[in-house]
Amino acid sequence: MKILSLVLIVGGIALIASGLYNAFVPQEVLDIEIIEVTATEGFDNQSLAMVCLGVIAFVAGAFLTKKR
């Protein structure tokens, strides 16, 4: 159980970080020699799902750790 809780906590942190990175870091949309256009999309469905799954995994790992 200790290994499972550690995997859930680390995986949850990784999912949260990845979801927030995808949501807030500007993605390069168009790159012409003269003009470079970037856009931030904010929370789309994929970023929101990654953050939610990360929170669920983190909380589950924390509860497994406290249970023992």
PDB file of N, CA and C in Angstrom:
ATOM      1  N   MET A   1       0.807  -1.197   0.000  1.00  0.00           N
ATOM      2  CA  MET A   1       0.000   0.000   0.000  1.00  0.00           C
ATOM      3  C   MET A   1       0.853   1.265   0.000  1.00  0.00           C
ATOM      4  N   LYS A   2       2.017   1.178   0.639  1.00  0.00           N
ATOM      5  CA  LYS A   2       2.884   2.347   0.713  1.00  0.00           C
ATOM      6  C   LYS A   2       3.370   2.750  -0.676  1.00  0.00           C
ATOM      7  N   ILE A   3       3.703   1.754  -1.497  1.00  0.00           N
ATOM      8  CA  ILE A   3       4.173   2.041  -2.858  1.00  0.00           C
ATOM      9  C   ILE A   3       3.039   2.604  -3.707  1.00  0.00           C
ATOM     10  N   LEU A   4       1.836   2.049  -3.564  1.00  0.00           N
ATOM     11  CA  LEU A   4       0.682   2.534  -4.317  1.00  0.00           C
ATOM     12  C   LEU A   4       0.371   3.979  -3.955  1.00  0.00           C
ATOM     13  N   SER A   5       0.415   4.315  -2.683  1.00  0.00           N
ATOM     14  CA  SER A   5       0.129   5.692  -2.279  1.00  0.00           C
ATOM     15  C   SER A   5       1.194   6.651  -2.807  1.00  0.00           C
ATOM     16  N   LEU A   6       2.443   6.218  -2.807  1.00  0.00           N
ATOM     17  CA  LEU A   6       3.509   7.067  -3.344  1.00  0.00           C
ATOM     18  C   LEU A   6       3.340   7.284  -4.846  1.00  0.00           C
ATOM     19  N   VAL A   7       2.980   6.226  -5.568  1.00  0.00           N
ATOM     20  CA  VAL A   7       2.753   6.342  -7.013  1.00  0.00           C
ATOM     21  C   VAL A   7       1.575   7.267  -7.304  1.00  0.00           C
ATOM     22  N   LEU A   8       0.505   7.151  -6.513  1.00  0.00           N
ATOM     23  CA  LEU A   8      -0.649   8.023  -6.716  1.00  0.00           C
ATOM     24  C   LEU A   8      -0.309   9.483  -6.429  1.00  0.00           C
ATOM     25  N   ILE A   9       0.454   9.743  -5.398  1.00  0.00           N
ATOM     26  CA  ILE A   9       0.815  11.123  -5.064  1.00  0.00           C
ATOM     27  C   ILE A   9       1.717  11.726  -6.143  1.00  0.00           C
ATOM     28  N   VAL A  10       2.731  10.983  -6.557  1.00  0.00           N
ATOM     29  CA  VAL A  10       3.645  11.500  -7.593  1.00  0.00           C
ATOM     30  C   VAL A  10       2.915  11.653  -8.930  1.00  0.00           C
ATOM     31  N   GLY A  11       2.094  10.684  -9.269  1.00  0.00           N
ATOM     32  CA  GLY A  11       1.323  10.777 -10.514  1.00  0.00           C
ATOM     33  C   GLY A  11       0.341  11.926 -10.488  1.00  0.00           C
ATOM     34  N   GLY A  12      -0.282  12.159  -9.336  1.00  0.00           N
ATOM     35  CA  GLY A  12      -1.209  13.283  -9.209  1.00  0.00           C
ATOM     36  C   GLY A  12      -0.520  14.620  -9.380  1.00  0.00           C
ATOM     37  N   ILE A  13       0.645  14.760  -8.772  1.00  0.00           N
ATOM     38  CA  ILE A  13       1.406  16.004  -8.920  1.00  0.00           C
ATOM     39  C   ILE A  13       1.820  16.208 -10.377  1.00  0.00           C
ATOM     40  N   ALA A  14       2.236  15.129 -11.040  1.00  0.00           N
ATOM     41  CA  ALA A  14       2.640  15.233 -12.449  1.00  0.00           C
ATOM     42  C   ALA A  14       1.463  15.621 -13.329  1.00  0.00           C
ATOM     43  N   LEU A  15       0.278  15.043 -13.089  1.00  0.00           N
ATOM     44  CA  LEU A  15      -0.898  15.389 -13.879  1.00  0.00           C
ATOM     45  C   LEU A  15      -1.327  16.837 -13.655  1.00  0.00           C
ATOM     46  N   ILE A  16      -1.284  17.281 -12.411  1.00  0.00           N
ATOM     47  CA  ILE A  16      -1.653  18.672 -12.123  1.00  0.00           C
ATOM     48  C   ILE A  16      -0.682  19.636 -12.806  1.00  0.00           C
ATOM     49  N   ALA A  17       0.606  19.348 -12.704  1.00  0.00           N
ATOM     50  CA  ALA A  17       1.610  20.227 -13.320  1.00  0.00           C
ATOM     51  C   ALA A  17       1.462  20.245 -14.836  1.00  0.00           C
ATOM     52  N   SER A  18       1.231  19.103 -15.423  1.00  0.00           N
ATOM     53  CA  SER A  18       1.082  19.033 -16.879  1.00  0.00           C
ATOM     54  C   SER A  18      -0.174  19.771 -17.345  1.00  0.00           C
ATOM     55  N   GLY A  19      -1.257  19.607 -16.632  1.00  0.00           N
ATOM     56  CA  GLY A  19      -2.491  20.301 -16.994  1.00  0.00           C
ATOM     57  C   GLY A  19      -2.369  21.805 -16.877  1.00  0.00           C
ATOM     58  N   LEU A  20      -1.729  22.275 -15.808  1.00  0.00           N
ATOM     59  CA  LEU A  20      -1.537  23.714 -15.646  1.00  0.00           C
ATOM     60  C   LEU A  20      -0.558  24.277 -16.669  1.00  0.00           C
ATOM     61  N   TYR A  21       0.464  23.494 -17.006  1.00  0.00           N
ATOM     62  CA  TYR A  21       1.418  23.929 -18.027  1.00  0.00           C
ATOM     63  C   TYR A  21       0.712  24.096 -19.361  1.00  0.00           C
ATOM     64  N   ASN A  22      -0.105  23.127 -19.745  1.00  0.00           N
ATOM     65  CA  ASN A  22      -0.824  23.213 -21.018  1.00  0.00           C
ATOM     66  C   ASN A  22      -1.840  24.348 -21.030  1.00  0.00           C
ATOM     67  N   ALA A  23      -2.364  24.697 -19.871  1.00  0.00           N
ATOM     68  CA  ALA A  23      -3.384  25.736 -19.823  1.00  0.00           C
ATOM     69  C   ALA A  23      -2.806  27.146 -19.859  1.00  0.00           C
ATOM     70  N   PHE A  24      -1.636  27.354 -19.240  1.00  0.00           N
ATOM     71  CA  PHE A  24      -1.168  28.725 -19.071  1.00  0.00           C
ATOM     72  C   PHE A  24       0.067  29.113 -19.873  1.00  0.00           C
ATOM     73  N   VAL A  25       0.779  28.166 -20.443  1.00  0.00           N
ATOM     74  CA  VAL A  25       1.956  28.505 -21.236  1.00  0.00           C
ATOM     75  C   VAL A  25       1.507  28.766 -22.673  1.00  0.00           C
ATOM     76  N   PRO A  26       1.896  29.887 -23.250  1.00  0.00           N
ATOM     77  CA  PRO A  26       1.463  30.191 -24.604  1.00  0.00           C
ATOM     78  C   PRO A  26       1.988  29.165 -25.610  1.00  0.00           C
ATOM     79  N   GLN A  27       1.112  28.742 -26.472  1.00  0.00           N
ATOM     80  CA  GLN A  27       1.474  27.799 -27.522  1.00  0.00           C
ATOM     81  C   GLN A  27       1.669  28.574 -28.828  1.00  0.00           C
ATOM     82  N   GLU A  28       2.721  28.246 -29.542  1.00  0.00           N
ATOM     83  CA  GLU A  28       3.012  28.939 -30.789  1.00  0.00           C
ATOM     84  C   GLU A  28       2.039  28.463 -31.855  1.00  0.00           C
ATOM     85  N   VAL A  29       1.282  29.402 -32.410  1.00  0.00           N
ATOM     86  CA  VAL A  29       0.276  29.061 -33.399  1.00  0.00           C
ATOM     87  C   VAL A  29       0.787  29.310 -34.808  1.00  0.00           C
ATOM     88  N   LEU A  30       1.416  30.447 -35.041  1.00  0.00           N
ATOM     89  CA  LEU A  30       1.858  30.836 -36.371  1.00  0.00           C
ATOM     90  C   LEU A  30       3.233  31.485 -36.262  1.00  0.00           C
ATOM     91  N   ASP A  31       4.150  31.039 -37.098  1.00  0.00           N
ATOM     92  CA  ASP A  31       5.495  31.612 -37.067  1.00  0.00           C
ATOM     93  C   ASP A  31       5.936  31.898 -38.491  1.00  0.00           C
ATOM     94  N   ILE A  32       5.855  33.164 -38.865  1.00  0.00           N
ATOM     95  CA  ILE A  32       6.367  33.638 -40.146  1.00  0.00           C
ATOM     96  C   ILE A  32       7.598  34.466 -39.814  1.00  0.00           C
ATOM     97  N   GLU A  33       8.518  34.603 -40.740  1.00  0.00           N
ATOM     98  CA  GLU A  33       9.775  35.294 -40.445  1.00  0.00           C
ATOM     99  C   GLU A  33       9.562  36.673 -39.843  1.00  0.00           C
ATOM    100  N   ILE A  34       8.535  37.386 -40.255  1.00  0.00           N
ATOM    101  CA  ILE A  34       8.307  38.741 -39.777  1.00  0.00           C
ATOM    102  C   ILE A  34       7.409  38.745 -38.538  1.00  0.00           C
ATOM    103  N   ILE A  35       6.408  37.893 -38.527  1.00  0.00           N
ATOM    104  CA  ILE A  35       5.393  37.910 -37.475  1.00  0.00           C
ATOM    105  C   ILE A  35       5.400  36.578 -36.735  1.00  0.00           C
ATOM    106  N   GLU A  36       5.266  36.655 -35.427  1.00  0.00           N
ATOM    107  CA  GLU A  36       5.090  35.448 -34.616  1.00  0.00           C
ATOM    108  C   GLU A  36       3.850  35.638 -33.755  1.00  0.00           C
ATOM    109  N   VAL A  37       2.878  34.773 -33.924  1.00  0.00           N
ATOM    110  CA  VAL A  37       1.623  34.877 -33.193  1.00  0.00           C
ATOM    111  C   VAL A  37       1.568  33.756 -32.161  1.00  0.00           C
ATOM    112  N   THR A  38       1.278  34.126 -30.913  1.00  0.00           N
ATOM    113  CA  THR A  38       1.094  33.128 -29.862  1.00  0.00           C
ATOM    114  C   THR A  38      -0.284  33.315 -29.250  1.00  0.00           C
ATOM    115  N   ALA A  39      -0.782  32.256 -28.663  1.00  0.00           N
ATOM    116  CA  ALA A  39      -2.115  32.320 -28.070  1.00  0.00           C
ATOM    117  C   ALA A  39      -2.154  31.479 -26.807  1.00  0.00           C
ATOM    118  N   THR A  40      -2.897  31.950 -25.829  1.00  0.00           N
ATOM    119  CA  THR A  40      -3.170  31.132 -24.654  1.00  0.00           C
ATOM    120  C   THR A  40      -4.632  30.727 -24.726  1.00  0.00           C
ATOM    121  N   GLU A  41      -4.877  29.464 -24.600  1.00  0.00           N
ATOM    122  CA  GLU A  41      -6.245  28.991 -24.721  1.00  0.00           C
ATOM    123  C   GLU A  41      -6.960  28.918 -23.386  1.00  0.00           C
ATOM    124  N   GLY A  42      -6.240  28.923 -22.296  1.00  0.00           N
ATOM    125  CA  GLY A  42      -6.871  28.775 -20.993  1.00  0.00           C
ATOM    126  C   GLY A  42      -7.207  27.320 -20.748  1.00  0.00           C
ATOM    127  N   PHE A  43      -8.183  27.092 -19.906  1.00  0.00           N
ATOM    128  CA  PHE A  43      -8.557  25.722 -19.580  1.00  0.00           C
ATOM    129  C   PHE A  43      -9.467  25.166 -20.662  1.00  0.00           C
ATOM    130  N   ASP A  44      -8.950  24.254 -21.465  1.00  0.00           N
ATOM    131  CA  ASP A  44      -9.800  23.513 -22.372  1.00  0.00           C
ATOM    132  C   ASP A  44     -10.159  22.190 -21.692  1.00  0.00           C
ATOM    133  N   ASN A  45     -10.884  21.334 -22.379  1.00  0.00           N
ATOM    134  CA  ASN A  45     -11.351  20.092 -21.764  1.00  0.00           C
ATOM    135  C   ASN A  45     -10.206  19.182 -21.349  1.00  0.00           C
ATOM    136  N   GLN A  46      -9.163  19.093 -22.158  1.00  0.00           N
ATOM    137  CA  GLN A  46      -8.052  18.199 -21.845  1.00  0.00           C
ATOM    138  C   GLN A  46      -7.278  18.688 -20.620  1.00  0.00           C
ATOM    139  N   SER A  47      -6.999  19.970 -20.542  1.00  0.00           N
ATOM    140  CA  SER A  47      -6.274  20.517 -19.385  1.00  0.00           C
ATOM    141  C   SER A  47      -7.089  20.372 -18.113  1.00  0.00           C
ATOM    142  N   LEU A  48      -8.371  20.644 -18.203  1.00  0.00           N
ATOM    143  CA  LEU A  48      -9.235  20.534 -17.032  1.00  0.00           C
ATOM    144  C   LEU A  48      -9.330  19.088 -16.561  1.00  0.00           C
ATOM    145  N   ALA A  49      -9.414  18.143 -17.486  1.00  0.00           N
ATOM    146  CA  ALA A  49      -9.479  16.722 -17.114  1.00  0.00           C
ATOM    147  C   ALA A  49      -8.176  16.269 -16.460  1.00  0.00           C
ATOM    148  N   MET A  50      -7.047  16.737 -16.968  1.00  0.00           N
ATOM    149  CA  MET A  50      -5.763  16.352 -16.375  1.00  0.00           C
ATOM    150  C   MET A  50      -5.629  16.882 -14.951  1.00  0.00           C
ATOM    151  N   VAL A  51      -6.059  18.112 -14.714  1.00  0.00           N
ATOM    152  CA  VAL A  51      -5.977  18.687 -13.380  1.00  0.00           C
ATOM    153  C   VAL A  51      -6.930  17.945 -12.429  1.00  0.00           C
ATOM    154  N   CYS A  52      -8.139  17.649 -12.884  1.00  0.00           N
ATOM    155  CA  CYS A  52      -9.104  16.934 -12.038  1.00  0.00           C
ATOM    156  C   CYS A  52      -8.616  15.532 -11.697  1.00  0.00           C
ATOM    157  N   LEU A  53      -8.102  14.804 -12.669  1.00  0.00           N
ATOM    158  CA  LEU A  53      -7.569  13.471 -12.395  1.00  0.00           C
ATOM    159  C   LEU A  53      -6.357  13.531 -11.475  1.00  0.00           C
ATOM    160  N   GLY A  54      -5.550  14.551 -11.622  1.00  0.00           N
ATOM    161  CA  GLY A  54      -4.403  14.731 -10.746  1.00  0.00           C
ATOM    162  C   GLY A  54      -4.808  14.975  -9.308  1.00  0.00           C
ATOM    163  N   VAL A  55      -5.833  15.802  -9.122  1.00  0.00           N
ATOM    164  CA  VAL A  55      -6.317  16.073  -7.767  1.00  0.00           C
ATOM    165  C   VAL A  55      -6.899  14.807  -7.149  1.00  0.00           C
ATOM    166  N   ILE A  56      -7.668  14.051  -7.934  1.00  0.00           N
ATOM    167  CA  ILE A  56      -8.253  12.802  -7.434  1.00  0.00           C
ATOM    168  C   ILE A  56      -7.154  11.818  -7.043  1.00  0.00           C
ATOM    169  N   ALA A  57      -6.146  11.672  -7.886  1.00  0.00           N
ATOM    170  CA  ALA A  57      -5.051  10.742  -7.583  1.00  0.00           C
ATOM    171  C   ALA A  57      -4.271  11.194  -6.355  1.00  0.00           C
ATOM    172  N   PHE A  58      -4.027  12.480  -6.231  1.00  0.00           N
ATOM    173  CA  PHE A  58      -3.287  13.003  -5.082  1.00  0.00           C
ATOM    174  C   PHE A  58      -4.054  12.780  -3.780  1.00  0.00           C
ATOM    175  N   VAL A  59      -5.344  13.061  -3.796  1.00  0.00           N
ATOM    176  CA  VAL A  59      -6.162  12.883  -2.597  1.00  0.00           C
ATOM    177  C   VAL A  59      -6.252  11.401  -2.229  1.00  0.00           C
ATOM    178  N   ALA A  60      -6.403  10.538  -3.229  1.00  0.00           N
ATOM    179  CA  ALA A  60      -6.461   9.097  -2.955  1.00  0.00           C
ATOM    180  C   ALA A  60      -5.145   8.609  -2.345  1.00  0.00           C
ATOM    181  N   GLY A  61      -4.040   9.073  -2.861  1.00  0.00           N
ATOM    182  CA  GLY A  61      -2.743   8.707  -2.297  1.00  0.00           C
ATOM    183  C   GLY A  61      -2.561   9.219  -0.885  1.00  0.00           C
ATOM    184  N   ALA A  62      -3.061  10.412  -0.614  1.00  0.00           N
ATOM    185  CA  ALA A  62      -2.947  10.976   0.736  1.00  0.00           C
ATOM    186  C   ALA A  62      -3.804  10.188   1.722  1.00  0.00           C
ATOM    187  N   PHE A  63      -5.007   9.783   1.310  1.00  0.00           N
ATOM    188  CA  PHE A  63      -5.864   9.002   2.198  1.00  0.00           C
ATOM    189  C   PHE A  63      -5.290   7.614   2.439  1.00  0.00           C
ATOM    190  N   LEU A  64      -4.660   7.022   1.429  1.00  0.00           N
ATOM    191  CA  LEU A  64      -4.042   5.706   1.634  1.00  0.00           C
ATOM    192  C   LEU A  64      -2.873   5.802   2.606  1.00  0.00           C
ATOM    193  N   THR A  65      -2.163   6.917   2.566  1.00  0.00           N
ATOM    194  CA  THR A  65      -1.037   7.104   3.477  1.00  0.00           C
ATOM    195  C   THR A  65      -1.520   7.292   4.911  1.00  0.00           C
ATOM    196  N   LYS A  66      -2.585   8.070   5.114  1.00  0.00           N
ATOM    197  CA  LYS A  66      -3.096   8.343   6.447  1.00  0.00           C
ATOM    198  C   LYS A  66      -3.803   7.132   7.056  1.00  0.00           C
ATOM    199  N   LYS A  67      -4.326   6.258   6.225  1.00  0.00           N
ATOM    200  CA  LYS A  67      -5.098   5.121   6.705  1.00  0.00           C
ATOM    201  C   LYS A  67      -4.247   4.180   7.557  1.00  0.00           C
ATOM    202  N   ARG A  68      -2.986   4.038   7.251  1.00  0.00           N
ATOM    203  CA  ARG A  68      -2.109   3.121   7.990  1.00  0.00           C
ATOM    204  C   ARG A  68      -1.678   3.770   9.226  1.00  0.00           C
TER     205      ARG A  68
END
